[in-house]
Amino acid sequence: MRSIFAIVVVAFCLSACNSYGSGSAGPPNTDRLSEEEKHRLYSAALAISESPLDTESFKDVCKKIGIFNEHSKPNDKYMIFVAAHVDWVTKPETDQFRKKIDTKEKARDYLNQYGVR
């Protein structure tokens, strides 16, 4: 439940700041990640900090999964992804993954596997 709250807060903060950019969808290798991997990376990025908007890791993940532009601003895919992520995180089958990243250290290790600093 904390993850859902964090997702909603992040989405509203970004939208309230009117920081939406219309730039590119992200790095060219974004298409190589499955939707499942994108949601896992996003969850891990949220889990490493109490204020993920302030972390470079969160921005890097958002660029990697194609929801931030090259200027680290949300693009037109951001809100669609966040809405899908809320659905993803509430599925019972995600429990196992959430347990895998249940500490900041475990979440950081998961991100490191994908080359996120």
C-alpha atoms as a PDB file:
ATOM      1  CA  MET A   1       0.000   0.000   0.000  1.00  0.00           C
ATOM      2  CA  ARG A   2       2.917   2.360   0.703  1.00  0.00           C
ATOM      3  CA  SER A   3       4.101   1.862  -2.888  1.00  0.00           C
ATOM      4  CA  ILE A   4       0.747   2.928  -4.277  1.00  0.00           C
ATOM      5  CA  PHE A   5       0.786   6.042  -2.137  1.00  0.00           C
ATOM      6  CA  ALA A   6       4.332   6.864  -3.286  1.00  0.00           C
ATOM      7  CA  ILE A   7       3.347   6.419  -6.930  1.00  0.00           C
ATOM      8  CA  VAL A   8       0.355   8.696  -6.576  1.00  0.00           C
ATOM      9  CA  VAL A   9       2.388  11.342  -4.736  1.00  0.00           C
ATOM     10  CA  VAL A  10       5.111  11.289  -7.380  1.00  0.00           C
ATOM     11  CA  ALA A  11       2.580  11.544 -10.205  1.00  0.00           C
ATOM     12  CA  PHE A  12       0.749  14.448  -8.581  1.00  0.00           C
ATOM     13  CA  CYS A  13       3.947  16.285  -7.711  1.00  0.00           C
ATOM     14  CA  LEU A  14       5.139  16.078 -11.270  1.00  0.00           C
ATOM     15  CA  SER A  15       1.811  17.140 -12.672  1.00  0.00           C
ATOM     16  CA  ALA A  16       1.414  19.987 -10.158  1.00  0.00           C
ATOM     17  CA  CYS A  17       4.828  21.316 -11.084  1.00  0.00           C
ATOM     18  CA  ASN A  18       3.737  21.376 -14.718  1.00  0.00           C
ATOM     19  CA  SER A  19       7.020  19.755 -15.628  1.00  0.00           C
ATOM     20  CA  TYR A  20       5.750  17.583 -18.436  1.00  0.00           C
ATOM     21  CA  GLY A  21       8.059  17.555 -21.409  1.00  0.00           C
ATOM     22  CA  SER A  22       7.229  16.373 -24.852  1.00  0.00           C
ATOM     23  CA  GLY A  23      10.717  15.183 -25.720  1.00  0.00           C
ATOM     24  CA  SER A  24      11.821  11.776 -26.827  1.00  0.00           C
ATOM     25  CA  ALA A  25      10.577   8.590 -25.235  1.00  0.00           C
ATOM     26  CA  GLY A  26      13.975   7.680 -23.802  1.00  0.00           C
ATOM     27  CA  PRO A  27      16.993   5.623 -24.647  1.00  0.00           C
ATOM     28  CA  PRO A  28      16.807   3.477 -27.780  1.00  0.00           C
ATOM     29  CA  ASN A  29      17.130   0.219 -25.798  1.00  0.00           C
ATOM     30  CA  THR A  30      13.891   0.932 -23.892  1.00  0.00           C
ATOM     31  CA  ASP A  31      11.971  -1.458 -26.133  1.00  0.00           C
ATOM     32  CA  ARG A  32      14.153  -4.339 -24.975  1.00  0.00           C
ATOM     33  CA  LEU A  33      12.681  -4.215 -21.488  1.00  0.00           C
ATOM     34  CA  SER A  34       9.470  -6.116 -20.938  1.00  0.00           C
ATOM     35  CA  GLU A  35       6.559  -4.345 -19.268  1.00  0.00           C
ATOM     36  CA  GLU A  36       7.209  -6.509 -16.203  1.00  0.00           C
ATOM     37  CA  GLU A  37      10.850  -5.366 -16.049  1.00  0.00           C
ATOM     38  CA  LYS A  38       9.803  -1.727 -16.402  1.00  0.00           C
ATOM     39  CA  HIS A  39       7.405  -2.026 -13.477  1.00  0.00           C
ATOM     40  CA  ARG A  40       9.995  -3.827 -11.379  1.00  0.00           C
ATOM     41  CA  LEU A  41      12.608  -1.154 -12.067  1.00  0.00           C
ATOM     42  CA  TYR A  42      10.146   1.610 -11.257  1.00  0.00           C
ATOM     43  CA  SER A  43       9.182  -0.128  -7.989  1.00  0.00           C
ATOM     44  CA  ALA A  44      12.821  -0.536  -7.000  1.00  0.00           C
ATOM     45  CA  ALA A  45      13.524   3.123  -7.812  1.00  0.00           C
ATOM     46  CA  LEU A  46      10.646   4.159  -5.564  1.00  0.00           C
ATOM     47  CA  ALA A  47      11.880   1.855  -2.796  1.00  0.00           C
ATOM     48  CA  ILE A  48      15.380   3.304  -2.480  1.00  0.00           C
ATOM     49  CA  SER A  49      14.324   6.708  -1.181  1.00  0.00           C
ATOM     50  CA  GLU A  50      11.677   8.447   0.886  1.00  0.00           C
ATOM     51  CA  SER A  51      11.665  11.198  -1.768  1.00  0.00           C
ATOM     52  CA  PRO A  52      12.406   9.519  -5.095  1.00  0.00           C
ATOM     53  CA  LEU A  53      11.986  12.718  -7.134  1.00  0.00           C
ATOM     54  CA  ASP A  54      15.224  13.935  -5.595  1.00  0.00           C
ATOM     55  CA  THR A  55      17.295  10.944  -6.648  1.00  0.00           C
ATOM     56  CA  GLU A  56      19.272  10.490  -9.820  1.00  0.00           C
ATOM     57  CA  SER A  57      18.443   6.780  -9.695  1.00  0.00           C
ATOM     58  CA  PHE A  58      14.723   7.493 -10.023  1.00  0.00           C
ATOM     59  CA  LYS A  59      15.358   9.821 -12.965  1.00  0.00           C
ATOM     60  CA  ASP A  60      17.687   7.268 -14.578  1.00  0.00           C
ATOM     61  CA  VAL A  61      15.088   4.512 -14.243  1.00  0.00           C
ATOM     62  CA  CYS A  62      12.358   6.743 -15.662  1.00  0.00           C
ATOM     63  CA  LYS A  63      14.575   7.542 -18.661  1.00  0.00           C
ATOM     64  CA  LYS A  64      15.525   3.880 -19.065  1.00  0.00           C
ATOM     65  CA  ILE A  65      11.902   2.743 -19.143  1.00  0.00           C
ATOM     66  CA  GLY A  66      10.902   5.552 -21.498  1.00  0.00           C
ATOM     67  CA  ILE A  67       8.716   7.775 -19.325  1.00  0.00           C
ATOM     68  CA  PHE A  68      11.171  10.687 -18.882  1.00  0.00           C
ATOM     69  CA  ASN A  69      12.798  12.630 -21.690  1.00  0.00           C
ATOM     70  CA  GLU A  70      16.516  13.349 -22.021  1.00  0.00           C
ATOM     71  CA  HIS A  71      16.088  16.357 -19.684  1.00  0.00           C
ATOM     72  CA  SER A  72      14.743  14.142 -16.870  1.00  0.00           C
ATOM     73  CA  LYS A  73      11.209  15.456 -17.287  1.00  0.00           C
ATOM     74  CA  PRO A  74       8.079  13.305 -17.644  1.00  0.00           C
ATOM     75  CA  ASN A  75       6.987  12.750 -21.230  1.00  0.00           C
ATOM     76  CA  ASP A  76       3.582  11.913 -22.672  1.00  0.00           C
ATOM     77  CA  LYS A  77       3.944   8.250 -21.615  1.00  0.00           C
ATOM     78  CA  TYR A  78       4.441   9.026 -17.921  1.00  0.00           C
ATOM     79  CA  MET A  79       0.846   9.186 -16.650  1.00  0.00           C
ATOM     80  CA  ILE A  80      -0.162   6.165 -18.746  1.00  0.00           C
ATOM     81  CA  PHE A  81       2.676   4.170 -17.194  1.00  0.00           C
ATOM     82  CA  VAL A  82       1.872   5.321 -13.647  1.00  0.00           C
ATOM     83  CA  ALA A  83      -1.769   4.294 -14.081  1.00  0.00           C
ATOM     84  CA  ALA A  84      -0.648   0.875 -15.334  1.00  0.00           C
ATOM     85  CA  HIS A  85       1.838   0.652 -12.470  1.00  0.00           C
ATOM     86  CA  VAL A  86      -0.894   1.168  -9.876  1.00  0.00           C
ATOM     87  CA  ASP A  87      -2.697  -1.816 -11.416  1.00  0.00           C
ATOM     88  CA  TRP A  88       0.527  -3.847 -11.565  1.00  0.00           C
ATOM     89  CA  VAL A  89       1.470  -3.227  -7.946  1.00  0.00           C
ATOM     90  CA  THR A  90      -1.921  -4.376  -6.666  1.00  0.00           C
ATOM     91  CA  LYS A  91      -1.741  -7.788  -8.330  1.00  0.00           C
ATOM     92  CA  PRO A  92      -1.102 -10.654  -5.906  1.00  0.00           C
ATOM     93  CA  GLU A  93       1.651 -12.046  -8.131  1.00  0.00           C
ATOM     94  CA  THR A  94       3.808  -8.971  -7.441  1.00  0.00           C
ATOM     95  CA  ASP A  95       4.105  -9.882  -3.754  1.00  0.00           C
ATOM     96  CA  GLN A  96       7.119 -12.082  -4.391  1.00  0.00           C
ATOM     97  CA  PHE A  97       8.958  -9.256  -6.135  1.00  0.00           C
ATOM     98  CA  ARG A  98       8.074  -6.738  -3.423  1.00  0.00           C
ATOM     99  CA  LYS A  99       9.627  -9.110  -0.886  1.00  0.00           C
ATOM    100  CA  LYS A 100      12.735  -9.275  -3.074  1.00  0.00           C
ATOM    101  CA  ILE A 101      13.229  -5.486  -2.726  1.00  0.00           C
ATOM    102  CA  ASP A 102      11.872  -4.985   0.804  1.00  0.00           C
ATOM    103  CA  THR A 103      14.888  -2.954   1.965  1.00  0.00           C
ATOM    104  CA  LYS A 104      16.654  -0.002   0.394  1.00  0.00           C
ATOM    105  CA  GLU A 105      19.783  -2.118   0.011  1.00  0.00           C
ATOM    106  CA  LYS A 106      17.954  -4.899  -1.829  1.00  0.00           C
ATOM    107  CA  ALA A 107      16.232  -2.369  -4.083  1.00  0.00           C
ATOM    108  CA  ARG A 108      19.604  -0.711  -4.825  1.00  0.00           C
ATOM    109  CA  ASP A 109      21.132  -4.117  -5.659  1.00  0.00           C
ATOM    110  CA  TYR A 110      18.254  -4.814  -8.036  1.00  0.00           C
ATOM    111  CA  LEU A 111      18.787  -1.495  -9.815  1.00  0.00           C
ATOM    112  CA  ASN A 112      22.525  -2.160 -10.039  1.00  0.00           C
ATOM    113  CA  GLN A 113      21.786  -5.342 -11.988  1.00  0.00           C
ATOM    114  CA  TYR A 114      20.290  -3.097 -14.685  1.00  0.00           C
ATOM    115  CA  GLY A 115      23.144  -0.626 -14.614  1.00  0.00           C
ATOM    116  CA  VAL A 116      21.234   2.058 -12.741  1.00  0.00           C
ATOM    117  CA  ARG A 117      23.454   4.015 -10.387  1.00  0.00           C
END
